[in-house]
Amino acid sequence: MRNIQTLQIKVGTETVQAPTAHEGFLLALNDARLDERKNVSAVFAARLEAIAAFLVKNDIDGRGAVETLRQEADRIRNESEEIH
């Protein structure tokens, strides 16, 4: 059975509907997911910048860049397997 109870709260002269505990939990979970996505994106962008700087600093050609990117993909894949 689902809890579909909603609460009415008087705010000034208006009555508004407050989120239930279930809705509040879902909102908090959604906020946490968005925050995690932002963090992952920031880390990924920083890593791409570091790879680009490495390629330029070491004057690596196209084939070397491809190999470097493949190694990085392997590193990321291994990290994701460790999480599960």
PDB file of N, CA and C in Angstrom:
ATOM      1  N   MET A   1       0.840  -1.170   0.000  1.00  0.00           N
ATOM      2  CA  MET A   1       0.000   0.000   0.000  1.00  0.00           C
ATOM      3  C   MET A   1       0.890   1.239   0.000  1.00  0.00           C
ATOM      4  N   ARG A   2       0.533   2.222  -0.796  1.00  0.00           N
ATOM      5  CA  ARG A   2       1.320   3.446  -0.879  1.00  0.00           C
ATOM      6  C   ARG A   2       0.775   4.498   0.073  1.00  0.00           C
ATOM      7  N   ASN A   3       1.676   5.238   0.634  1.00  0.00           N
ATOM      8  CA  ASN A   3       1.287   6.365   1.466  1.00  0.00           C
ATOM      9  C   ASN A   3       1.120   7.572   0.558  1.00  0.00           C
ATOM     10  N   ILE A   4      -0.120   7.986   0.347  1.00  0.00           N
ATOM     11  CA  ILE A   4      -0.363   9.122  -0.546  1.00  0.00           C
ATOM     12  C   ILE A   4      -0.868  10.334   0.218  1.00  0.00           C
ATOM     13  N   GLN A   5      -0.674  10.330   1.507  1.00  0.00           N
ATOM     14  CA  GLN A   5      -1.127  11.428   2.336  1.00  0.00           C
ATOM     15  C   GLN A   5      -0.348  12.694   1.997  1.00  0.00           C
ATOM     16  N   THR A   6      -1.045  13.790   1.855  1.00  0.00           N
ATOM     17  CA  THR A   6      -0.389  15.078   1.664  1.00  0.00           C
ATOM     18  C   THR A   6      -0.768  15.985   2.824  1.00  0.00           C
ATOM     19  N   LEU A   7       0.105  16.867   3.146  1.00  0.00           N
ATOM     20  CA  LEU A   7      -0.113  17.772   4.259  1.00  0.00           C
ATOM     21  C   LEU A   7      -0.409  19.166   3.737  1.00  0.00           C
ATOM     22  N   GLN A   8      -1.383  19.807   4.335  1.00  0.00           N
ATOM     23  CA  GLN A   8      -1.718  21.182   3.986  1.00  0.00           C
ATOM     24  C   GLN A   8      -1.085  22.102   5.029  1.00  0.00           C
ATOM     25  N   ILE A   9      -0.361  23.109   4.570  1.00  0.00           N
ATOM     26  CA  ILE A   9       0.309  24.041   5.465  1.00  0.00           C
ATOM     27  C   ILE A   9      -0.172  25.440   5.131  1.00  0.00           C
ATOM     28  N   LYS A  10      -0.502  26.196   6.159  1.00  0.00           N
ATOM     29  CA  LYS A  10      -0.960  27.574   5.974  1.00  0.00           C
ATOM     30  C   LYS A  10       0.269  28.479   5.945  1.00  0.00           C
ATOM     31  N   VAL A  11       0.455  29.204   4.840  1.00  0.00           N
ATOM     32  CA  VAL A  11       1.560  30.140   4.681  1.00  0.00           C
ATOM     33  C   VAL A  11       0.937  31.501   4.403  1.00  0.00           C
ATOM     34  N   GLY A  12       0.994  32.367   5.397  1.00  0.00           N
ATOM     35  CA  GLY A  12       0.329  33.662   5.243  1.00  0.00           C
ATOM     36  C   GLY A  12      -1.160  33.442   5.093  1.00  0.00           C
ATOM     37  N   THR A  13      -1.706  33.904   3.990  1.00  0.00           N
ATOM     38  CA  THR A  13      -3.133  33.723   3.745  1.00  0.00           C
ATOM     39  C   THR A  13      -3.412  32.549   2.813  1.00  0.00           C
ATOM     40  N   GLU A  14      -2.359  31.879   2.335  1.00  0.00           N
ATOM     41  CA  GLU A  14      -2.523  30.781   1.392  1.00  0.00           C
ATOM     42  C   GLU A  14      -2.255  29.436   2.053  1.00  0.00           C
ATOM     43  N   THR A  15      -2.920  28.443   1.560  1.00  0.00           N
ATOM     44  CA  THR A  15      -2.673  27.068   1.993  1.00  0.00           C
ATOM     45  C   THR A  15      -1.907  26.372   0.879  1.00  0.00           C
ATOM     46  N   VAL A  16      -0.760  25.798   1.230  1.00  0.00           N
ATOM     47  CA  VAL A  16       0.063  25.107   0.246  1.00  0.00           C
ATOM     48  C   VAL A  16       0.196  23.653   0.646  1.00  0.00           C
ATOM     49  N   GLN A  17       0.531  22.847  -0.326  1.00  0.00           N
ATOM     50  CA  GLN A  17       0.697  21.413  -0.082  1.00  0.00           C
ATOM     51  C   GLN A  17       2.175  21.126   0.174  1.00  0.00           C
ATOM     52  N   ALA A  18       2.477  20.544   1.318  1.00  0.00           N
ATOM     53  CA  ALA A  18       3.858  20.207   1.676  1.00  0.00           C
ATOM     54  C   ALA A  18       4.183  18.815   1.151  1.00  0.00           C
ATOM     55  N   PRO A  19       5.437  18.586   0.802  1.00  0.00           N
ATOM     56  CA  PRO A  19       5.803  17.238   0.341  1.00  0.00           C
ATOM     57  C   PRO A  19       5.706  16.230   1.482  1.00  0.00           C
ATOM     58  N   THR A  20       5.300  15.028   1.152  1.00  0.00           N
ATOM     59  CA  THR A  20       5.263  13.958   2.148  1.00  0.00           C
ATOM     60  C   THR A  20       6.695  13.509   2.423  1.00  0.00           C
ATOM     61  N   ALA A  21       6.862  12.660   3.402  1.00  0.00           N
ATOM     62  CA  ALA A  21       8.202  12.138   3.710  1.00  0.00           C
ATOM     63  C   ALA A  21       8.758  11.391   2.510  1.00  0.00           C
ATOM     64  N   HIS A  22       7.895  10.651   1.826  1.00  0.00           N
ATOM     65  CA  HIS A  22       8.315   9.894   0.638  1.00  0.00           C
ATOM     66  C   HIS A  22       8.805  10.858  -0.447  1.00  0.00           C
ATOM     67  N   GLU A  23       8.045  11.906  -0.710  1.00  0.00           N
ATOM     68  CA  GLU A  23       8.442  12.887  -1.717  1.00  0.00           C
ATOM     69  C   GLU A  23       9.714  13.612  -1.313  1.00  0.00           C
ATOM     70  N   GLY A  24       9.828  13.916  -0.029  1.00  0.00           N
ATOM     71  CA  GLY A  24      11.042  14.566   0.470  1.00  0.00           C
ATOM     72  C   GLY A  24      12.269  13.696   0.259  1.00  0.00           C
ATOM     73  N   PHE A  25      12.098  12.396   0.500  1.00  0.00           N
ATOM     74  CA  PHE A  25      13.201  11.457   0.287  1.00  0.00           C
ATOM     75  C   PHE A  25      13.602  11.432  -1.187  1.00  0.00           C
ATOM     76  N   LEU A  26      12.601  11.376  -2.073  1.00  0.00           N
ATOM     77  CA  LEU A  26      12.901  11.362  -3.507  1.00  0.00           C
ATOM     78  C   LEU A  26      13.587  12.638  -3.957  1.00  0.00           C
ATOM     79  N   LEU A  27      13.168  13.769  -3.429  1.00  0.00           N
ATOM     80  CA  LEU A  27      13.828  15.036  -3.760  1.00  0.00           C
ATOM     81  C   LEU A  27      15.281  15.038  -3.289  1.00  0.00           C
ATOM     82  N   ALA A  28      15.513  14.548  -2.074  1.00  0.00           N
ATOM     83  CA  ALA A  28      16.876  14.491  -1.547  1.00  0.00           C
ATOM     84  C   ALA A  28      17.733  13.526  -2.366  1.00  0.00           C
ATOM     85  N   LEU A  29      17.156  12.400  -2.756  1.00  0.00           N
ATOM     86  CA  LEU A  29      17.881  11.423  -3.569  1.00  0.00           C
ATOM     87  C   LEU A  29      18.233  12.020  -4.928  1.00  0.00           C
ATOM     88  N   ASN A  30      17.286  12.718  -5.534  1.00  0.00           N
ATOM     89  CA  ASN A  30      17.536  13.362  -6.816  1.00  0.00           C
ATOM     90  C   ASN A  30      18.634  14.416  -6.703  1.00  0.00           C
ATOM     91  N   ASP A  31      18.618  15.200  -5.627  1.00  0.00           N
ATOM     92  CA  ASP A  31      19.672  16.193  -5.410  1.00  0.00           C
ATOM     93  C   ASP A  31      21.034  15.524  -5.271  1.00  0.00           C
ATOM     94  N   ALA A  32      21.083  14.406  -4.546  1.00  0.00           N
ATOM     95  CA  ALA A  32      22.342  13.677  -4.368  1.00  0.00           C
ATOM     96  C   ALA A  32      22.847  13.141  -5.709  1.00  0.00           C
ATOM     97  N   ARG A  33      21.942  12.638  -6.537  1.00  0.00           N
ATOM     98  CA  ARG A  33      22.333  12.130  -7.853  1.00  0.00           C
ATOM     99  C   ARG A  33      22.891  13.253  -8.725  1.00  0.00           C
ATOM    100  N   LEU A  34      22.216  14.381  -8.736  1.00  0.00           N
ATOM    101  CA  LEU A  34      22.695  15.512  -9.531  1.00  0.00           C
ATOM    102  C   LEU A  34      24.058  15.988  -9.047  1.00  0.00           C
ATOM    103  N   ASP A  35      24.232  16.028  -7.728  1.00  0.00           N
ATOM    104  CA  ASP A  35      25.512  16.440  -7.160  1.00  0.00           C
ATOM    105  C   ASP A  35      26.617  15.469  -7.564  1.00  0.00           C
ATOM    106  N   GLU A  36      26.324  14.176  -7.528  1.00  0.00           N
ATOM    107  CA  GLU A  36      27.313  13.172  -7.929  1.00  0.00           C
ATOM    108  C   GLU A  36      27.669  13.314  -9.404  1.00  0.00           C
ATOM    109  N   ARG A  37      26.673  13.555 -10.246  1.00  0.00           N
ATOM    110  CA  ARG A  37      26.942  13.743 -11.673  1.00  0.00           C
ATOM    111  C   ARG A  37      27.828  14.960 -11.910  1.00  0.00           C
ATOM    112  N   LYS A  38      27.578  16.036 -11.170  1.00  0.00           N
ATOM    113  CA  LYS A  38      28.427  17.226 -11.291  1.00  0.00           C
ATOM    114  C   LYS A  38      29.861  16.910 -10.891  1.00  0.00           C
ATOM    115  N   ASN A  39      30.013  16.189  -9.794  1.00  0.00           N
ATOM    116  CA  ASN A  39      31.356  15.835  -9.323  1.00  0.00           C
ATOM    117  C   ASN A  39      32.086  14.946 -10.319  1.00  0.00           C
ATOM    118  N   VAL A  40      31.404  13.952 -10.859  1.00  0.00           N
ATOM    119  CA  VAL A  40      32.023  13.053 -11.836  1.00  0.00           C
ATOM    120  C   VAL A  40      32.430  13.835 -13.078  1.00  0.00           C
ATOM    121  N   SER A  41      31.568  14.739 -13.525  1.00  0.00           N
ATOM    122  CA  SER A  41      31.884  15.559 -14.698  1.00  0.00           C
ATOM    123  C   SER A  41      33.105  16.436 -14.451  1.00  0.00           C
ATOM    124  N   ALA A  42      33.192  17.020 -13.272  1.00  0.00           N
ATOM    125  CA  ALA A  42      34.341  17.877 -12.948  1.00  0.00           C
ATOM    126  C   ALA A  42      35.630  17.064 -12.926  1.00  0.00           C
ATOM    127  N   VAL A  43      35.592  15.875 -12.350  1.00  0.00           N
ATOM    128  CA  VAL A  43      36.778  15.015 -12.304  1.00  0.00           C
ATOM    129  C   VAL A  43      37.188  14.593 -13.711  1.00  0.00           C
ATOM    130  N   PHE A  44      36.204  14.231 -14.532  1.00  0.00           N
ATOM    131  CA  PHE A  44      36.488  13.795 -15.896  1.00  0.00           C
ATOM    132  C   PHE A  44      37.089  14.936 -16.720  1.00  0.00           C
ATOM    133  N   ALA A  45      36.535  16.132 -16.578  1.00  0.00           N
ATOM    134  CA  ALA A  45      37.065  17.293 -17.303  1.00  0.00           C
ATOM    135  C   ALA A  45      38.499  17.590 -16.881  1.00  0.00           C
ATOM    136  N   ALA A  46      38.771  17.504 -15.587  1.00  0.00           N
ATOM    137  CA  ALA A  46      40.129  17.747 -15.098  1.00  0.00           C
ATOM    138  C   ALA A  46      41.097  16.704 -15.643  1.00  0.00           C
ATOM    139  N   ARG A  47      40.643  15.464 -15.713  1.00  0.00           N
ATOM    140  CA  ARG A  47      41.510  14.398 -16.244  1.00  0.00           C
ATOM    141  C   ARG A  47      41.797  14.617 -17.729  1.00  0.00           C
ATOM    142  N   LEU A  48      40.785  15.037 -18.499  1.00  0.00           N
ATOM    143  CA  LEU A  48      41.004  15.325 -19.912  1.00  0.00           C
ATOM    144  C   LEU A  48      41.994  16.474 -20.096  1.00  0.00           C
ATOM    145  N   GLU A  49      41.883  17.492 -19.245  1.00  0.00           N
ATOM    146  CA  GLU A  49      42.836  18.601 -19.312  1.00  0.00           C
ATOM    147  C   GLU A  49      44.251  18.128 -19.005  1.00  0.00           C
ATOM    148  N   ALA A  50      44.391  17.243 -18.025  1.00  0.00           N
ATOM    149  CA  ALA A  50      45.709  16.716 -17.673  1.00  0.00           C
ATOM    150  C   ALA A  50      46.289  15.892 -18.831  1.00  0.00           C
ATOM    151  N   ILE A  51      45.454  15.103 -19.490  1.00  0.00           N
ATOM    152  CA  ILE A  51      45.921  14.317 -20.629  1.00  0.00           C
ATOM    153  C   ILE A  51      46.356  15.242 -21.760  1.00  0.00           C
ATOM    154  N   ALA A  52      45.565  16.270 -22.044  1.00  0.00           N
ATOM    155  CA  ALA A  52      45.915  17.218 -23.101  1.00  0.00           C
ATOM    156  C   ALA A  52      47.248  17.898 -22.793  1.00  0.00           C
ATOM    157  N   ALA A  53      47.440  18.311 -21.551  1.00  0.00           N
ATOM    158  CA  ALA A  53      48.699  18.951 -21.160  1.00  0.00           C
ATOM    159  C   ALA A  53      49.869  17.980 -21.321  1.00  0.00           C
ATOM    160  N   PHE A  54      49.660  16.721 -20.949  1.00  0.00           N
ATOM    161  CA  PHE A  54      50.699  15.703 -21.099  1.00  0.00           C
ATOM    162  C   PHE A  54      51.081  15.527 -22.563  1.00  0.00           C
ATOM    163  N   LEU A  55      50.068  15.462 -23.441  1.00  0.00           N
ATOM    164  CA  LEU A  55      50.326  15.281 -24.867  1.00  0.00           C
ATOM    165  C   LEU A  55      51.111  16.455 -25.445  1.00  0.00           C
ATOM    166  N   VAL A  56      50.740  17.668 -25.067  1.00  0.00           N
ATOM    167  CA  VAL A  56      51.432  18.855 -25.576  1.00  0.00           C
ATOM    168  C   VAL A  56      52.845  18.942 -25.012  1.00  0.00           C
ATOM    169  N   LYS A  57      52.969  18.720 -23.703  1.00  0.00           N
ATOM    170  CA  LYS A  57      54.282  18.819 -23.059  1.00  0.00           C
ATOM    171  C   LYS A  57      55.281  17.844 -23.662  1.00  0.00           C
ATOM    172  N   ASN A  58      54.831  16.641 -23.979  1.00  0.00           N
ATOM    173  CA  ASN A  58      55.714  15.611 -24.504  1.00  0.00           C
ATOM    174  C   ASN A  58      55.711  15.545 -26.029  1.00  0.00           C
ATOM    175  N   ASP A  59      55.032  16.509 -26.669  1.00  0.00           N
ATOM    176  CA  ASP A  59      54.977  16.606 -28.132  1.00  0.00           C
ATOM    177  C   ASP A  59      54.621  15.252 -28.757  1.00  0.00           C
ATOM    178  N   ILE A  60      53.552  14.667 -28.262  1.00  0.00           N
ATOM    179  CA  ILE A  60      53.127  13.349 -28.713  1.00  0.00           C
ATOM    180  C   ILE A  60      52.293  13.486 -29.981  1.00  0.00           C
ATOM    181  N   ASP A  61      52.574  12.632 -30.967  1.00  0.00           N
ATOM    182  CA  ASP A  61      51.860  12.674 -32.243  1.00  0.00           C
ATOM    183  C   ASP A  61      50.504  11.975 -32.120  1.00  0.00           C
ATOM    184  N   GLY A  62      49.799  11.877 -33.230  1.00  0.00           N
ATOM    185  CA  GLY A  62      48.460  11.289 -33.248  1.00  0.00           C
ATOM    186  C   GLY A  62      48.397   9.873 -32.743  1.00  0.00           C
ATOM    187  N   ARG A  63      49.330   9.029 -33.216  1.00  0.00           N
ATOM    188  CA  ARG A  63      49.324   7.632 -32.772  1.00  0.00           C
ATOM    189  C   ARG A  63      49.618   7.524 -31.275  1.00  0.00           C
ATOM    190  N   GLY A  64      50.534   8.331 -30.804  1.00  0.00           N
ATOM    191  CA  GLY A  64      50.838   8.325 -29.373  1.00  0.00           C
ATOM    192  C   GLY A  64      49.649   8.810 -28.554  1.00  0.00           C
ATOM    193  N   ALA A  65      48.936   9.803 -29.085  1.00  0.00           N
ATOM    194  CA  ALA A  65      47.753  10.313 -28.390  1.00  0.00           C
ATOM    195  C   ALA A  65      46.677   9.242 -28.304  1.00  0.00           C
ATOM    196  N   VAL A  66      46.502   8.502 -29.397  1.00  0.00           N
ATOM    197  CA  VAL A  66      45.509   7.422 -29.404  1.00  0.00           C
ATOM    198  C   VAL A  66      45.881   6.381 -28.354  1.00  0.00           C
ATOM    199  N   GLU A  67      47.127   6.007 -28.295  1.00  0.00           N
ATOM    200  CA  GLU A  67      47.565   5.010 -27.311  1.00  0.00           C
ATOM    201  C   GLU A  67      47.369   5.535 -25.888  1.00  0.00           C
ATOM    202  N   THR A  68      47.691   6.800 -25.665  1.00  0.00           N
ATOM    203  CA  THR A  68      47.504   7.400 -24.344  1.00  0.00           C
ATOM    204  C   THR A  68      46.028   7.367 -23.947  1.00  0.00           C
ATOM    205  N   LEU A  69      45.144   7.698 -24.895  1.00  0.00           N
ATOM    206  CA  LEU A  69      43.711   7.670 -24.613  1.00  0.00           C
ATOM    207  C   LEU A  69      43.214   6.250 -24.344  1.00  0.00           C
ATOM    208  N   ARG A  70      43.748   5.287 -25.051  1.00  0.00           N
ATOM    209  CA  ARG A  70      43.367   3.888 -24.800  1.00  0.00           C
ATOM    210  C   ARG A  70      43.796   3.442 -23.402  1.00  0.00           C
ATOM    211  N   GLN A  71      44.983   3.843 -23.003  1.00  0.00           N
ATOM    212  CA  GLN A  71      45.460   3.504 -21.659  1.00  0.00           C
ATOM    213  C   GLN A  71      44.568   4.142 -20.598  1.00  0.00           C
ATOM    214  N   GLU A  72      44.175   5.380 -20.839  1.00  0.00           N
ATOM    215  CA  GLU A  72      43.296   6.074 -19.896  1.00  0.00           C
ATOM    216  C   GLU A  72      41.929   5.395 -19.846  1.00  0.00           C
ATOM    217  N   ALA A  73      41.417   4.961 -20.997  1.00  0.00           N
ATOM    218  CA  ALA A  73      40.142   4.249 -21.028  1.00  0.00           C
ATOM    219  C   ALA A  73      40.235   2.961 -20.221  1.00  0.00           C
ATOM    220  N   ASP A  74      41.335   2.248 -20.338  1.00  0.00           N
ATOM    221  CA  ASP A  74      41.540   1.028 -19.548  1.00  0.00           C
ATOM    222  C   ASP A  74      41.564   1.338 -18.059  1.00  0.00           C
ATOM    223  N   ARG A  75      42.232   2.434 -17.695  1.00  0.00           N
ATOM    224  CA  ARG A  75      42.305   2.829 -16.286  1.00  0.00           C
ATOM    225  C   ARG A  75      40.913   3.128 -15.734  1.00  0.00           C
ATOM    226  N   ILE A  76      40.118   3.870 -16.499  1.00  0.00           N
ATOM    227  CA  ILE A  76      38.765   4.216 -16.072  1.00  0.00           C
ATOM    228  C   ILE A  76      37.907   2.956 -15.972  1.00  0.00           C
ATOM    229  N   ARG A  77      38.023   2.071 -16.950  1.00  0.00           N
ATOM    230  CA  ARG A  77      37.263   0.815 -16.942  1.00  0.00           C
ATOM    231  C   ARG A  77      37.613  -0.014 -15.707  1.00  0.00           C
ATOM    232  N   ASN A  78      38.897  -0.108 -15.388  1.00  0.00           N
ATOM    233  CA  ASN A  78      39.320  -0.870 -14.208  1.00  0.00           C
ATOM    234  C   ASN A  78      38.770  -0.253 -12.925  1.00  0.00           C
ATOM    235  N   GLU A  79      38.771   1.081 -12.848  1.00  0.00           N
ATOM    236  CA  GLU A  79      38.216   1.748 -11.668  1.00  0.00           C
ATOM    237  C   GLU A  79      36.730   1.454 -11.524  1.00  0.00           C
ATOM    238  N   SER A  80      36.002   1.476 -12.648  1.00  0.00           N
ATOM    239  CA  SER A  80      34.556   1.226 -12.562  1.00  0.00           C
ATOM    240  C   SER A  80      34.269  -0.208 -12.148  1.00  0.00           C
ATOM    241  N   GLU A  81      35.101  -1.156 -12.556  1.00  0.00           N
ATOM    242  CA  GLU A  81      34.907  -2.547 -12.155  1.00  0.00           C
ATOM    243  C   GLU A  81      35.162  -2.731 -10.668  1.00  0.00           C
ATOM    244  N   GLU A  82      36.061  -1.943 -10.100  1.00  0.00           N
ATOM    245  CA  GLU A  82      36.348  -2.031  -8.678  1.00  0.00           C
ATOM    246  C   GLU A  82      35.180  -1.525  -7.842  1.00  0.00           C
ATOM    247  N   ILE A  83      34.413  -0.595  -8.391  1.00  0.00           N
ATOM    248  CA  ILE A  83      33.282  -0.028  -7.658  1.00  0.00           C
ATOM    249  C   ILE A  83      32.175  -1.043  -7.487  1.00  0.00           C
ATOM    250  N   HIS A  84      31.922  -1.849  -8.494  1.00  0.00           N
ATOM    251  CA  HIS A  84      30.830  -2.831  -8.436  1.00  0.00           C
ATOM    252  C   HIS A  84      31.310  -4.001  -7.680  1.00  0.00           C
TER     253      HIS A  84
END
